[in-house]
Amino acid sequence: MPEAIDPESPGSSTHFRRGDWEVVRVEQYAPIGTAEFDLVVLCYCRYAPIESPLFPIRRGKGSSQLQEVYS
């Protein structure tokens, strides 16, 4: 969407909206003993289109600014 492109940061996300997919079921499985992960999770989703406007993303402080606060 052209109106969501920020010329100061092209290619990055500048806006968000609620999505058209909703989770309808979640299944969890324990991994096999040799696996490199703790849990396998399957999410089953349903497409449920909605009208949702775009909202600008409020940017937080960068990591260097956060470090200044905690120094």
N, C-alpha and C. Protein backbone atom coordinates (compact mmCIF):
# COMPACT_ATOMS: atom_id res chain seq x y z
N MET A 1 0.84 -1.17 0.00
CA MET A 1 0.00 0.00 0.00
C MET A 1 0.89 1.24 0.00
N PRO A 2 0.81 2.04 -1.02
CA PRO A 2 1.68 3.22 -1.12
C PRO A 2 1.59 4.16 0.07
N GLU A 3 0.41 4.31 0.66
CA GLU A 3 0.28 5.25 1.78
C GLU A 3 1.00 4.77 3.04
N ALA A 4 1.42 3.51 3.06
CA ALA A 4 2.10 2.96 4.23
C ALA A 4 3.62 2.96 4.06
N ILE A 5 4.13 3.53 2.98
CA ILE A 5 5.58 3.56 2.76
C ILE A 5 6.15 4.84 3.32
N ASP A 6 7.12 4.69 4.21
CA ASP A 6 7.80 5.84 4.81
C ASP A 6 9.08 6.09 4.02
N PRO A 7 9.21 7.26 3.36
CA PRO A 7 10.41 7.52 2.56
C PRO A 7 11.70 7.52 3.39
N GLU A 8 11.59 7.75 4.70
CA GLU A 8 12.77 7.75 5.55
C GLU A 8 13.25 6.35 5.89
N SER A 9 12.38 5.36 5.76
CA SER A 9 12.78 3.97 6.04
C SER A 9 12.09 3.03 5.05
N PRO A 10 12.45 3.13 3.76
CA PRO A 10 11.80 2.27 2.77
C PRO A 10 12.11 0.80 3.05
N GLY A 11 11.15 -0.04 2.81
CA GLY A 11 11.34 -1.47 3.01
C GLY A 11 11.11 -1.94 4.43
N SER A 12 10.81 -1.03 5.35
CA SER A 12 10.55 -1.46 6.73
C SER A 12 9.07 -1.27 7.04
N SER A 13 8.63 -1.95 8.07
CA SER A 13 7.22 -1.85 8.47
C SER A 13 6.96 -0.53 9.16
N THR A 14 5.93 0.17 8.73
CA THR A 14 5.59 1.45 9.33
C THR A 14 4.17 1.48 9.87
N HIS A 15 3.35 0.50 9.45
CA HIS A 15 1.95 0.47 9.85
C HIS A 15 1.54 -0.96 10.19
N PHE A 16 0.45 -1.10 10.92
CA PHE A 16 -0.07 -2.42 11.24
C PHE A 16 -1.59 -2.39 11.18
N ARG A 17 -2.17 -3.57 11.15
CA ARG A 17 -3.62 -3.71 11.23
C ARG A 17 -3.93 -5.11 11.76
N ARG A 18 -5.11 -5.30 12.28
CA ARG A 18 -5.54 -6.63 12.70
C ARG A 18 -5.60 -7.51 11.47
N GLY A 19 -5.24 -8.76 11.63
CA GLY A 19 -5.20 -9.67 10.50
C GLY A 19 -6.53 -10.36 10.24
N ASP A 20 -6.58 -11.03 9.09
CA ASP A 20 -7.79 -11.73 8.66
C ASP A 20 -7.80 -13.19 9.09
N TRP A 21 -6.80 -13.63 9.84
CA TRP A 21 -6.72 -15.03 10.26
C TRP A 21 -6.92 -15.13 11.76
N GLU A 22 -7.67 -16.13 12.20
CA GLU A 22 -7.85 -16.36 13.63
C GLU A 22 -7.52 -17.81 13.95
N VAL A 23 -6.89 -18.01 15.08
CA VAL A 23 -6.51 -19.35 15.52
C VAL A 23 -7.76 -20.05 16.05
N VAL A 24 -8.02 -21.26 15.56
CA VAL A 24 -9.21 -21.99 16.00
C VAL A 24 -8.86 -23.23 16.82
N ARG A 25 -7.61 -23.71 16.70
CA ARG A 25 -7.20 -24.87 17.49
C ARG A 25 -5.69 -24.88 17.60
N VAL A 26 -5.18 -25.30 18.76
CA VAL A 26 -3.74 -25.40 19.00
C VAL A 26 -3.45 -26.79 19.54
N GLU A 27 -2.44 -27.44 18.97
CA GLU A 27 -2.00 -28.75 19.46
C GLU A 27 -0.53 -28.64 19.86
N GLN A 28 -0.17 -29.25 20.98
CA GLN A 28 1.21 -29.25 21.46
C GLN A 28 1.71 -30.68 21.53
N TYR A 29 2.97 -30.88 21.11
CA TYR A 29 3.57 -32.20 21.12
C TYR A 29 4.96 -32.12 21.75
N ALA A 30 5.28 -33.09 22.57
CA ALA A 30 6.61 -33.19 23.15
C ALA A 30 7.57 -33.67 22.06
N PRO A 31 8.79 -33.17 22.05
CA PRO A 31 9.75 -33.57 21.02
C PRO A 31 10.32 -34.97 21.30
N ILE A 32 10.93 -35.52 20.27
CA ILE A 32 11.67 -36.77 20.43
C ILE A 32 12.91 -36.46 21.26
N GLY A 33 13.41 -37.41 22.00
CA GLY A 33 14.54 -37.18 22.90
C GLY A 33 15.76 -36.53 22.29
N THR A 34 16.00 -36.71 21.00
CA THR A 34 17.20 -36.15 20.36
C THR A 34 16.94 -34.80 19.70
N ALA A 35 15.77 -34.26 19.83
CA ALA A 35 15.41 -33.01 19.15
C ALA A 35 16.11 -31.81 19.78
N GLU A 36 16.30 -30.77 18.98
CA GLU A 36 16.94 -29.54 19.45
C GLU A 36 15.93 -28.51 19.93
N PHE A 37 14.70 -28.89 20.14
CA PHE A 37 13.67 -27.95 20.55
C PHE A 37 12.89 -28.53 21.71
N ASP A 38 12.18 -27.67 22.42
CA ASP A 38 11.45 -28.07 23.62
C ASP A 38 10.03 -28.52 23.36
N LEU A 39 9.42 -28.02 22.30
CA LEU A 39 8.00 -28.27 22.09
C LEU A 39 7.66 -28.04 20.62
N VAL A 40 6.76 -28.84 20.08
CA VAL A 40 6.23 -28.62 18.74
C VAL A 40 4.79 -28.15 18.92
N VAL A 41 4.45 -27.03 18.30
CA VAL A 41 3.11 -26.47 18.41
C VAL A 41 2.53 -26.29 17.01
N LEU A 42 1.34 -26.84 16.81
CA LEU A 42 0.61 -26.66 15.55
C LEU A 42 -0.59 -25.77 15.81
N CYS A 43 -0.71 -24.73 15.00
CA CYS A 43 -1.86 -23.83 15.11
C CYS A 43 -2.71 -23.99 13.86
N TYR A 44 -3.99 -24.23 14.05
CA TYR A 44 -4.94 -24.31 12.95
C TYR A 44 -5.68 -22.99 12.89
N CYS A 45 -5.68 -22.39 11.70
CA CYS A 45 -6.27 -21.07 11.55
C CYS A 45 -7.42 -21.10 10.55
N ARG A 46 -8.27 -20.09 10.68
CA ARG A 46 -9.41 -19.93 9.78
C ARG A 46 -9.34 -18.51 9.21
N TYR A 47 -9.58 -18.39 7.92
CA TYR A 47 -9.62 -17.09 7.28
C TYR A 47 -10.96 -16.44 7.59
N ALA A 48 -10.92 -15.29 8.22
CA ALA A 48 -12.14 -14.57 8.59
C ALA A 48 -11.92 -13.09 8.25
N PRO A 49 -12.17 -12.70 6.99
CA PRO A 49 -11.87 -11.34 6.56
C PRO A 49 -12.61 -10.29 7.39
N ILE A 50 -11.89 -9.23 7.72
CA ILE A 50 -12.46 -8.13 8.49
C ILE A 50 -12.06 -6.81 7.83
N GLU A 51 -12.78 -5.77 8.14
CA GLU A 51 -12.39 -4.42 7.74
C GLU A 51 -11.51 -3.88 8.84
N SER A 52 -10.28 -3.55 8.51
CA SER A 52 -9.35 -3.08 9.53
C SER A 52 -8.47 -1.99 8.93
N PRO A 53 -8.51 -0.79 9.48
CA PRO A 53 -7.69 0.30 8.95
C PRO A 53 -6.22 0.11 9.33
N LEU A 54 -5.35 0.80 8.61
CA LEU A 54 -3.93 0.80 8.94
C LEU A 54 -3.67 1.80 10.05
N PHE A 55 -2.81 1.43 11.00
CA PHE A 55 -2.40 2.32 12.08
C PHE A 55 -0.89 2.46 12.04
N PRO A 56 -0.35 3.67 12.25
CA PRO A 56 1.10 3.82 12.27
C PRO A 56 1.70 3.10 13.48
N ILE A 57 2.89 2.54 13.28
CA ILE A 57 3.61 1.88 14.36
C ILE A 57 4.37 2.95 15.13
N ARG A 58 4.19 2.97 16.44
CA ARG A 58 4.97 3.90 17.26
C ARG A 58 6.32 3.26 17.54
N ARG A 59 7.37 3.94 17.18
CA ARG A 59 8.72 3.41 17.35
C ARG A 59 9.20 3.62 18.77
N GLY A 60 9.85 2.61 19.30
CA GLY A 60 10.46 2.71 20.62
C GLY A 60 11.85 3.29 20.50
N LYS A 61 12.53 3.39 21.62
CA LYS A 61 13.90 3.90 21.62
C LYS A 61 14.83 2.84 21.04
N GLY A 62 15.88 3.29 20.39
CA GLY A 62 16.89 2.39 19.86
C GLY A 62 17.73 1.81 20.98
N SER A 63 18.51 0.78 20.69
CA SER A 63 19.29 0.11 21.74
C SER A 63 20.30 1.04 22.38
N SER A 64 20.92 1.95 21.61
CA SER A 64 21.89 2.87 22.20
C SER A 64 21.20 3.82 23.17
N GLN A 65 19.97 4.26 22.85
CA GLN A 65 19.23 5.13 23.76
C GLN A 65 18.82 4.39 25.02
N LEU A 66 18.46 3.11 24.89
CA LEU A 66 18.10 2.32 26.06
C LEU A 66 19.31 2.11 26.97
N GLN A 67 20.48 1.91 26.38
CA GLN A 67 21.69 1.71 27.17
C GLN A 67 22.03 2.95 27.97
N GLU A 68 21.76 4.14 27.41
CA GLU A 68 22.01 5.38 28.13
C GLU A 68 21.17 5.46 29.39
N VAL A 69 19.94 4.98 29.32
CA VAL A 69 19.03 5.03 30.46
C VAL A 69 19.53 4.14 31.59
N TYR A 70 20.08 2.96 31.24
CA TYR A 70 20.49 2.00 32.26
C TYR A 70 21.96 2.12 32.64
N SER A 71 22.69 3.05 32.07
CA SER A 71 24.12 3.20 32.41
C SER A 71 24.31 3.91 33.73
